[in-house]
Amino acid sequence: MRRKEPDSCGFAAALEAIGGKWKTSILWELHLRPHRFAELRRSLGGVSEKMLAQQLRQMEADGLVSRCDHGEVPPRVDYSITPLGLSLNEAVTAMSAWGKYHETWKSGRQEAA
């Protein structure tokens, strides 16, 4: 059995935290303000209820979002971004800027060819 080596640079841990199609979109929506589950699902458009619940559970376990159950009937649960999630959102924003730059660079190279 192969022993898993620790991630010394932290990049793999960051990618794991944002891995999945919806996590960066969820972070972005929650950085604006807290959302209820159905409201978050509507704002994301296209995510299934099952997938959203799964992604939110993973993000809560990773400390990126917090879940507040108000203990009311009918149930009212809010999701909000944590300080750790905000710091990851800043990193994702920087990666997004790089991605836009890279796409511009690639299209410039293709036009020159």
C-alpha atoms as a PDB file:
ATOM      1  CA  MET A   1       0.000   0.000   0.000  1.00  0.00           C
ATOM      2  CA  ARG A   2       1.348   3.383  -0.988  1.00  0.00           C
ATOM      3  CA  ARG A   3       1.556   6.003   1.735  1.00  0.00           C
ATOM      4  CA  LYS A   4       0.070   9.357   0.847  1.00  0.00           C
ATOM      5  CA  GLU A   5       2.686  12.063   1.205  1.00  0.00           C
ATOM      6  CA  PRO A   6       1.630  15.344   2.812  1.00  0.00           C
ATOM      7  CA  ASP A   7       1.038  18.256   0.470  1.00  0.00           C
ATOM      8  CA  SER A   8       4.017  20.450   1.281  1.00  0.00           C
ATOM      9  CA  CYS A   9       3.033  23.370  -0.938  1.00  0.00           C
ATOM     10  CA  GLY A  10      -0.689  23.346  -0.095  1.00  0.00           C
ATOM     11  CA  PHE A  11      -1.812  23.578  -3.709  1.00  0.00           C
ATOM     12  CA  ALA A  12      -3.443  20.128  -3.731  1.00  0.00           C
ATOM     13  CA  ALA A  13      -5.410  21.008  -0.593  1.00  0.00           C
ATOM     14  CA  ALA A  14      -6.627  24.222  -2.210  1.00  0.00           C
ATOM     15  CA  LEU A  15      -7.670  22.401  -5.373  1.00  0.00           C
ATOM     16  CA  GLU A  16      -9.482  19.784  -3.326  1.00  0.00           C
ATOM     17  CA  ALA A  17     -11.378  22.496  -1.446  1.00  0.00           C
ATOM     18  CA  ILE A  18     -12.600  24.123  -4.673  1.00  0.00           C
ATOM     19  CA  GLY A  19     -12.830  20.907  -6.702  1.00  0.00           C
ATOM     20  CA  GLY A  20     -16.208  20.250  -8.220  1.00  0.00           C
ATOM     21  CA  LYS A  21     -18.243  22.181 -10.717  1.00  0.00           C
ATOM     22  CA  TRP A  22     -20.262  24.250  -8.246  1.00  0.00           C
ATOM     23  CA  LYS A  23     -18.021  25.136  -5.306  1.00  0.00           C
ATOM     24  CA  THR A  24     -16.541  28.320  -6.750  1.00  0.00           C
ATOM     25  CA  SER A  25     -20.009  29.513  -7.793  1.00  0.00           C
ATOM     26  CA  ILE A  26     -21.362  28.761  -4.321  1.00  0.00           C
ATOM     27  CA  LEU A  27     -18.477  30.699  -2.738  1.00  0.00           C
ATOM     28  CA  TRP A  28     -19.171  33.654  -5.005  1.00  0.00           C
ATOM     29  CA  GLU A  29     -22.899  33.734  -4.226  1.00  0.00           C
ATOM     30  CA  LEU A  30     -22.350  33.424  -0.488  1.00  0.00           C
ATOM     31  CA  HIS A  31     -19.673  36.112  -0.416  1.00  0.00           C
ATOM     32  CA  LEU A  32     -22.382  38.565  -1.484  1.00  0.00           C
ATOM     33  CA  ARG A  33     -24.712  37.622   1.405  1.00  0.00           C
ATOM     34  CA  PRO A  34     -26.143  34.575   3.220  1.00  0.00           C
ATOM     35  CA  HIS A  35     -28.645  32.501   1.262  1.00  0.00           C
ATOM     36  CA  ARG A  36     -31.294  29.935   2.035  1.00  0.00           C
ATOM     37  CA  PHE A  37     -30.943  26.608   0.220  1.00  0.00           C
ATOM     38  CA  ALA A  38     -33.701  27.160  -2.368  1.00  0.00           C
ATOM     39  CA  GLU A  39     -32.561  30.721  -3.006  1.00  0.00           C
ATOM     40  CA  LEU A  40     -28.995  29.540  -3.567  1.00  0.00           C
ATOM     41  CA  ARG A  41     -30.187  26.818  -5.938  1.00  0.00           C
ATOM     42  CA  ARG A  42     -32.198  29.345  -7.983  1.00  0.00           C
ATOM     43  CA  SER A  43     -29.299  31.782  -8.173  1.00  0.00           C
ATOM     44  CA  LEU A  44     -26.917  29.075  -9.439  1.00  0.00           C
ATOM     45  CA  GLY A  45     -29.232  27.802 -12.168  1.00  0.00           C
ATOM     46  CA  GLY A  46     -28.681  24.243 -13.363  1.00  0.00           C
ATOM     47  CA  VAL A  47     -27.455  22.633 -10.144  1.00  0.00           C
ATOM     48  CA  SER A  48     -29.528  19.716  -8.871  1.00  0.00           C
ATOM     49  CA  GLU A  49     -30.811  19.689  -5.304  1.00  0.00           C
ATOM     50  CA  LYS A  50     -28.739  16.580  -4.562  1.00  0.00           C
ATOM     51  CA  MET A  51     -25.522  18.091  -5.948  1.00  0.00           C
ATOM     52  CA  LEU A  52     -26.006  21.388  -4.119  1.00  0.00           C
ATOM     53  CA  ALA A  53     -26.625  19.588  -0.826  1.00  0.00           C
ATOM     54  CA  GLN A  54     -23.519  17.436  -1.370  1.00  0.00           C
ATOM     55  CA  GLN A  55     -21.303  20.410  -2.234  1.00  0.00           C
ATOM     56  CA  LEU A  56     -22.590  22.431   0.741  1.00  0.00           C
ATOM     57  CA  ARG A  57     -21.926  19.499   3.121  1.00  0.00           C
ATOM     58  CA  GLN A  58     -18.367  19.168   1.817  1.00  0.00           C
ATOM     59  CA  MET A  59     -17.777  22.901   2.070  1.00  0.00           C
ATOM     60  CA  GLU A  60     -19.166  22.966   5.603  1.00  0.00           C
ATOM     61  CA  ALA A  61     -16.865  20.076   6.579  1.00  0.00           C
ATOM     62  CA  ASP A  62     -13.927  22.022   5.062  1.00  0.00           C
ATOM     63  CA  GLY A  63     -14.862  25.126   7.080  1.00  0.00           C
ATOM     64  CA  LEU A  64     -15.687  27.228   4.006  1.00  0.00           C
ATOM     65  CA  VAL A  65     -19.387  27.770   4.724  1.00  0.00           C
ATOM     66  CA  SER A  66     -21.485  27.732   7.844  1.00  0.00           C
ATOM     67  CA  ARG A  67     -25.004  26.382   8.153  1.00  0.00           C
ATOM     68  CA  CYS A  68     -27.410  28.069  10.544  1.00  0.00           C
ATOM     69  CA  ASP A  69     -30.564  26.111  11.383  1.00  0.00           C
ATOM     70  CA  HIS A  70     -33.027  28.506  12.999  1.00  0.00           C
ATOM     71  CA  GLY A  71     -35.061  25.645  14.520  1.00  0.00           C
ATOM     72  CA  GLU A  72     -38.336  26.946  13.121  1.00  0.00           C
ATOM     73  CA  VAL A  73     -41.332  25.294  11.517  1.00  0.00           C
ATOM     74  CA  PRO A  74     -41.307  25.334   8.559  1.00  0.00           C
ATOM     75  CA  PRO A  75     -37.546  24.775   8.607  1.00  0.00           C
ATOM     76  CA  ARG A  76     -35.345  27.777   7.889  1.00  0.00           C
ATOM     77  CA  VAL A  77     -31.660  27.193   7.204  1.00  0.00           C
ATOM     78  CA  ASP A  78     -29.209  29.843   6.042  1.00  0.00           C
ATOM     79  CA  TYR A  79     -25.773  29.284   4.524  1.00  0.00           C
ATOM     80  CA  SER A  80     -23.049  31.896   4.802  1.00  0.00           C
ATOM     81  CA  ILE A  81     -19.384  32.115   3.938  1.00  0.00           C
ATOM     82  CA  THR A  82     -16.822  31.812   6.722  1.00  0.00           C
ATOM     83  CA  PRO A  83     -13.625  33.877   7.013  1.00  0.00           C
ATOM     84  CA  LEU A  84     -11.743  30.837   5.670  1.00  0.00           C
ATOM     85  CA  GLY A  85     -14.124  30.710   2.712  1.00  0.00           C
ATOM     86  CA  LEU A  86     -13.594  34.425   2.074  1.00  0.00           C
ATOM     87  CA  SER A  87      -9.853  33.910   1.974  1.00  0.00           C
ATOM     88  CA  LEU A  88     -10.293  31.081  -0.548  1.00  0.00           C
ATOM     89  CA  ASN A  89     -12.602  33.292  -2.595  1.00  0.00           C
ATOM     90  CA  GLU A  90      -9.777  35.836  -2.849  1.00  0.00           C
ATOM     91  CA  ALA A  91      -7.469  33.132  -4.187  1.00  0.00           C
ATOM     92  CA  VAL A  92     -10.099  31.950  -6.680  1.00  0.00           C
ATOM     93  CA  THR A  93     -10.575  35.546  -7.869  1.00  0.00           C
ATOM     94  CA  ALA A  94      -6.835  35.772  -8.560  1.00  0.00           C
ATOM     95  CA  MET A  95      -6.959  32.468 -10.454  1.00  0.00           C
ATOM     96  CA  SER A  96      -9.920  33.749 -12.468  1.00  0.00           C
ATOM     97  CA  ALA A  97      -7.995  36.879 -13.451  1.00  0.00           C
ATOM     98  CA  TRP A  98      -5.067  34.725 -14.528  1.00  0.00           C
ATOM     99  CA  GLY A  99      -7.409  32.479 -16.538  1.00  0.00           C
ATOM    100  CA  LYS A 100      -8.855  35.487 -18.392  1.00  0.00           C
ATOM    101  CA  TYR A 101      -5.351  36.757 -19.115  1.00  0.00           C
ATOM    102  CA  HIS A 102      -4.305  33.328 -20.346  1.00  0.00           C
ATOM    103  CA  GLU A 103      -7.303  33.063 -22.686  1.00  0.00           C
ATOM    104  CA  THR A 104      -6.470  36.494 -24.135  1.00  0.00           C
ATOM    105  CA  TRP A 105      -2.845  35.441 -24.554  1.00  0.00           C
ATOM    106  CA  LYS A 106      -3.856  32.190 -26.284  1.00  0.00           C
ATOM    107  CA  SER A 107      -6.239  33.908 -28.692  1.00  0.00           C
ATOM    108  CA  GLY A 108      -3.537  36.508 -29.493  1.00  0.00           C
ATOM    109  CA  ARG A 109      -1.091  33.726 -30.348  1.00  0.00           C
ATOM    110  CA  GLN A 110      -3.630  31.961 -32.537  1.00  0.00           C
ATOM    111  CA  GLU A 111      -4.421  35.151 -34.459  1.00  0.00           C
ATOM    112  CA  ALA A 112      -0.702  35.785 -35.033  1.00  0.00           C
ATOM    113  CA  ALA A 113      -0.194  32.273 -36.437  1.00  0.00           C
END
